[in-house]
Every structure is written in structure tokens, then in C-alpha cells.
C-alpha atoms as a PDB file:
ATOM      1  CA  MET A   1     141.088 138.528  75.272  1.00  0.00           C
ATOM      2  CA  ASN A   2     140.941 138.051  71.484  1.00  0.00           C
ATOM      3  CA  ARG A   3     138.694 140.847  70.310  1.00  0.00           C
ATOM      4  CA  THR A   4     139.005 143.927  67.743  1.00  0.00           C
ATOM      5  CA  LYS A   5     139.831 146.916  70.104  1.00  0.00           C
ATOM      6  CA  SER A   6     137.356 149.690  70.239  1.00  0.00           C
ATOM      7  CA  GLU A   7     139.173 152.376  68.746  1.00  0.00           C
ATOM      8  CA  ASN A   8     139.419 150.147  65.696  1.00  0.00           C
ATOM      9  CA  TYR A   9     135.613 150.999  64.873  1.00  0.00           C
ATOM     10  CA  PHE A  10     135.719 154.766  65.604  1.00  0.00           C
ATOM     11  CA  HIS A  11     134.688 156.380  62.555  1.00  0.00           C
ATOM     12  CA  ALA A  12     135.296 153.537  60.479  1.00  0.00           C
ATOM     13  CA  GLU A  13     133.502 152.509  57.344  1.00  0.00           C
ATOM     14  CA  PRO A  14     131.221 151.593  56.611  1.00  0.00           C
ATOM     15  CA  GLU A  15     129.084 152.156  60.293  1.00  0.00           C
ATOM     16  CA  LYS A  16     131.197 154.951  61.217  1.00  0.00           C
ATOM     17  CA  LEU A  17     130.637 154.664  64.947  1.00  0.00           C
ATOM     18  CA  ASN A  18     131.337 157.508  67.301  1.00  0.00           C
ATOM     19  CA  CYS A  19     132.665 157.053  70.504  1.00  0.00           C
ATOM     20  CA  ALA A  20     129.949 155.845  72.670  1.00  0.00           C
ATOM     21  CA  GLN A  21     128.985 152.984  69.882  1.00  0.00           C
ATOM     22  CA  SER A  22     132.450 152.197  69.228  1.00  0.00           C
ATOM     23  CA  ILE A  23     132.922 151.037  73.075  1.00  0.00           C
ATOM     24  CA  LEU A  24     129.668 148.782  72.373  1.00  0.00           C
ATOM     25  CA  LYS A  25     131.001 147.307  69.518  1.00  0.00           C
ATOM     26  CA  GLY A  26     134.141 146.531  70.998  1.00  0.00           C
ATOM     27  CA  PHE A  27     133.003 144.639  73.939  1.00  0.00           C
ATOM     28  CA  GLN A  28     129.891 143.669  72.098  1.00  0.00           C
ATOM     29  CA  ASN A  29     130.375 139.709  72.503  1.00  0.00           C
ATOM     30  CA  GLU A  30     131.811 140.081  75.846  1.00  0.00           C
ATOM     31  CA  PHE A  31     128.493 142.017  76.986  1.00  0.00           C
ATOM     32  CA  GLY A  32     126.188 140.415  74.682  1.00  0.00           C
ATOM     33  CA  VAL A  33     125.260 143.746  73.494  1.00  0.00           C
ATOM     34  CA  ASP A  34     122.938 143.563  69.980  1.00  0.00           C
ATOM     35  CA  ASP A  35     122.943 145.875  67.124  1.00  0.00           C
ATOM     36  CA  SER A  36     119.838 147.623  68.120  1.00  0.00           C
ATOM     37  CA  THR A  37     121.457 148.939  71.454  1.00  0.00           C
ATOM     38  CA  ILE A  38     124.468 150.098  69.410  1.00  0.00           C
ATOM     39  CA  ALA A  39     122.379 152.279  66.869  1.00  0.00           C
ATOM     40  CA  GLN A  40     120.594 153.701  69.983  1.00  0.00           C
ATOM     41  CA  PHE A  41     123.828 155.255  71.344  1.00  0.00           C
ATOM     42  CA  ARG A  42     124.666 157.058  68.233  1.00  0.00           C
ATOM     43  CA  ALA A  43     122.354 159.772  70.504  1.00  0.00           C
ATOM     44  CA  TRP A  44     125.274 159.931  72.795  1.00  0.00           C
ATOM     45  CA  GLY A  45     128.580 160.745  70.937  1.00  0.00           C
ATOM     46  CA  GLY A  46     129.926 163.866  70.387  1.00  0.00           C
ATOM     47  CA  GLY A  47     129.101 165.420  74.059  1.00  0.00           C
ATOM     48  CA  ARG A  48     125.548 164.891  73.628  1.00  0.00           C
ATOM     49  CA  VAL A  49     125.052 162.870  76.976  1.00  0.00           C
ATOM     50  CA  GLU A  50     123.473 164.640  79.730  1.00  0.00           C
ATOM     51  CA  GLY A  51     126.177 166.627  81.206  1.00  0.00           C
ATOM     52  CA  GLY A  52     128.328 166.871  78.640  1.00  0.00           C
ATOM     53  CA  THR A  53     129.812 163.613  79.751  1.00  0.00           C
ATOM     54  CA  CYS A  54     132.583 162.081  77.035  1.00  0.00           C
ATOM     55  CA  GLY A  55     129.993 159.114  75.192  1.00  0.00           C
ATOM     56  CA  ALA A  56     133.148 156.745  75.508  1.00  0.00           C
ATOM     57  CA  LEU A  57     133.050 157.118  79.372  1.00  0.00           C
ATOM     58  CA  PHE A  58     129.131 156.949  79.241  1.00  0.00           C
ATOM     59  CA  ALA A  59     128.948 153.957  77.332  1.00  0.00           C
ATOM     60  CA  ALA A  60     132.028 152.205  79.442  1.00  0.00           C
ATOM     61  CA  ASN A  61     129.754 152.807  82.751  1.00  0.00           C
ATOM     62  CA  TYR A  62     126.762 151.335  80.934  1.00  0.00           C
ATOM     63  CA  LEU A  63     128.669 148.010  80.370  1.00  0.00           C
ATOM     64  CA  LEU A  64     130.808 147.837  83.449  1.00  0.00           C
ATOM     65  CA  GLU A  65     126.959 148.791  85.287  1.00  0.00           C
ATOM     66  CA  LYS A  66     125.461 145.333  83.395  1.00  0.00           C
ATOM     67  CA  ARG A  67     128.584 143.292  85.114  1.00  0.00           C
ATOM     68  CA  GLY A  68     128.251 145.070  88.753  1.00  0.00           C
ATOM     69  CA  LEU A  69     131.419 146.409  88.327  1.00  0.00           C
ATOM     70  CA  PRO A  70     132.263 149.918  89.551  1.00  0.00           C
ATOM     71  CA  LYS A  71     132.163 153.188  87.722  1.00  0.00           C
ATOM     72  CA  ILE A  72     135.333 154.349  86.156  1.00  0.00           C
ATOM     73  CA  ASN A  73     134.959 158.300  85.859  1.00  0.00           C
ATOM     74  CA  ALA A  74     138.099 158.756  88.430  1.00  0.00           C
ATOM     75  CA  GLU A  75     140.618 156.870  86.267  1.00  0.00           C
ATOM     76  CA  PHE A  76     139.246 158.256  83.024  1.00  0.00           C
ATOM     77  CA  ALA A  77     139.589 161.591  83.814  1.00  0.00           C
ATOM     78  CA  LYS A  78     142.721 161.372  85.218  1.00  0.00           C
ATOM     79  CA  ARG A  79     143.854 159.739  81.851  1.00  0.00           C
ATOM     80  CA  ALA A  80     142.311 161.524  79.379  1.00  0.00           C
ATOM     81  CA  GLY A  81     142.080 165.127  81.661  1.00  0.00           C
ATOM     82  CA  ALA A  82     138.586 165.413  82.298  1.00  0.00           C
ATOM     83  CA  GLU A  83     135.124 163.666  82.027  1.00  0.00           C
ATOM     84  CA  ARG A  84     133.195 166.481  79.896  1.00  0.00           C
ATOM     85  CA  CYS A  85     133.459 166.058  76.262  1.00  0.00           C
ATOM     86  CA  VAL A  86     134.238 169.587  75.756  1.00  0.00           C
ATOM     87  CA  ASP A  87     136.920 169.918  78.548  1.00  0.00           C
ATOM     88  CA  ILE A  88     138.648 166.719  76.931  1.00  0.00           C
ATOM     89  CA  LYS A  89     138.800 168.618  73.658  1.00  0.00           C
ATOM     90  CA  LYS A  90     138.923 172.168  74.080  1.00  0.00           C
ATOM     91  CA  GLU A  91     141.368 172.371  77.444  1.00  0.00           C
ATOM     92  CA  ASN A  92     143.264 169.059  77.178  1.00  0.00           C
ATOM     93  CA  LYS A  93     143.318 168.959  73.220  1.00  0.00           C
ATOM     94  CA  THR A  94     142.522 164.941  73.909  1.00  0.00           C
ATOM     95  CA  PRO A  95     141.258 163.441  70.522  1.00  0.00           C
ATOM     96  CA  CYS A  96     138.057 161.313  70.810  1.00  0.00           C
ATOM     97  CA  VAL A  97     139.782 158.200  69.598  1.00  0.00           C
ATOM     98  CA  THR A  98     141.921 158.554  72.317  1.00  0.00           C
ATOM     99  CA  CYS A  99     139.258 158.845  74.774  1.00  0.00           C
ATOM    100  CA  VAL A 100     138.061 155.572  73.151  1.00  0.00           C
ATOM    101  CA  LYS A 101     140.966 153.764  73.598  1.00  0.00           C
ATOM    102  CA  ILE A 102     141.525 154.844  77.395  1.00  0.00           C
ATOM    103  CA  ALA A 103     137.943 153.435  78.240  1.00  0.00           C
ATOM    104  CA  ASP A 104     138.532 150.190  76.322  1.00  0.00           C
ATOM    105  CA  GLU A 105     141.472 149.535  78.249  1.00  0.00           C
ATOM    106  CA  ILE A 106     140.156 150.318  81.551  1.00  0.00           C
ATOM    107  CA  ILE A 107     137.162 148.007  80.783  1.00  0.00           C
ATOM    108  CA  GLU A 108     139.677 145.653  79.829  1.00  0.00           C
ATOM    109  CA  GLN A 109     141.344 145.731  82.966  1.00  0.00           C
ATOM    110  CA  LEU A 110     138.653 145.449  85.142  1.00  0.00           C
ATOM    111  CA  ILE A 111     137.251 142.681  83.339  1.00  0.00           C
ATOM    112  CA  SER A 112     140.490 140.541  83.931  1.00  0.00           C
ATOM    113  CA  GLU A 113     140.681 141.524  87.489  1.00  0.00           C
ATOM    114  CA  SER A 114     137.363 140.328  88.210  1.00  0.00           C
ATOM    115  CA  LYS A 115     137.480 136.987  86.858  1.00  0.00           C
END
């Protein structure tokens, strides 16, 4: 897959995308995500998803659901230390950009396995 990895969009100028938006932007072409959808996901960065779920995980599951692929909660939590933003950042000290990278890698793996 020849694309820019999601973590390269995280907080980068000029858009300064959050974790959820970075995942959508990283897979924009593969999943046909429009710019307005990416803009809407600004509301779900920084632990603001219902239940405090990590925004990168939330966005990843959103994309995978579009393809009928399974949610990645267990694999993500195994690698990031938790599913909730506050637990990831405070207890496991995992930076947001690392969560974006983890979600990106898992999505990429699932896409390649489903071909």
C-alpha cells in the first residue's frame, strides 16, 4: 500500500488533525472518506468519544465497519495498554501519536489479509 501513514498527519500543519482525524486522513483514498467526514471527527479526539474510547481506535473501527471487517479493540488494547484515552495516557504513558501508529498498522494488516 503506497500511502502516507496516519501518524504523519497527527497535529501536522496546516490542518493539525487530532488522533481520530489522522486515521481517516491516512486511509482517505482506500476507504473513500470525504473531507467533511474528516472535519466531523474533530469532535472525537482527545478522549471525547463516548465512554472515553481513544479517538484513533474509534476512527479505525469506523473505517473497518465500512468494509465489514472486525473491530480491533482487543489487539489495540494489547498494544496500546488500554482502549480508553485516559488509561492509555495516564496509566500506560503511551503518547497519542503512538496510538495513531498502532491503529494504522492494525488497519493496514487487516486490509492486506482481507484481499
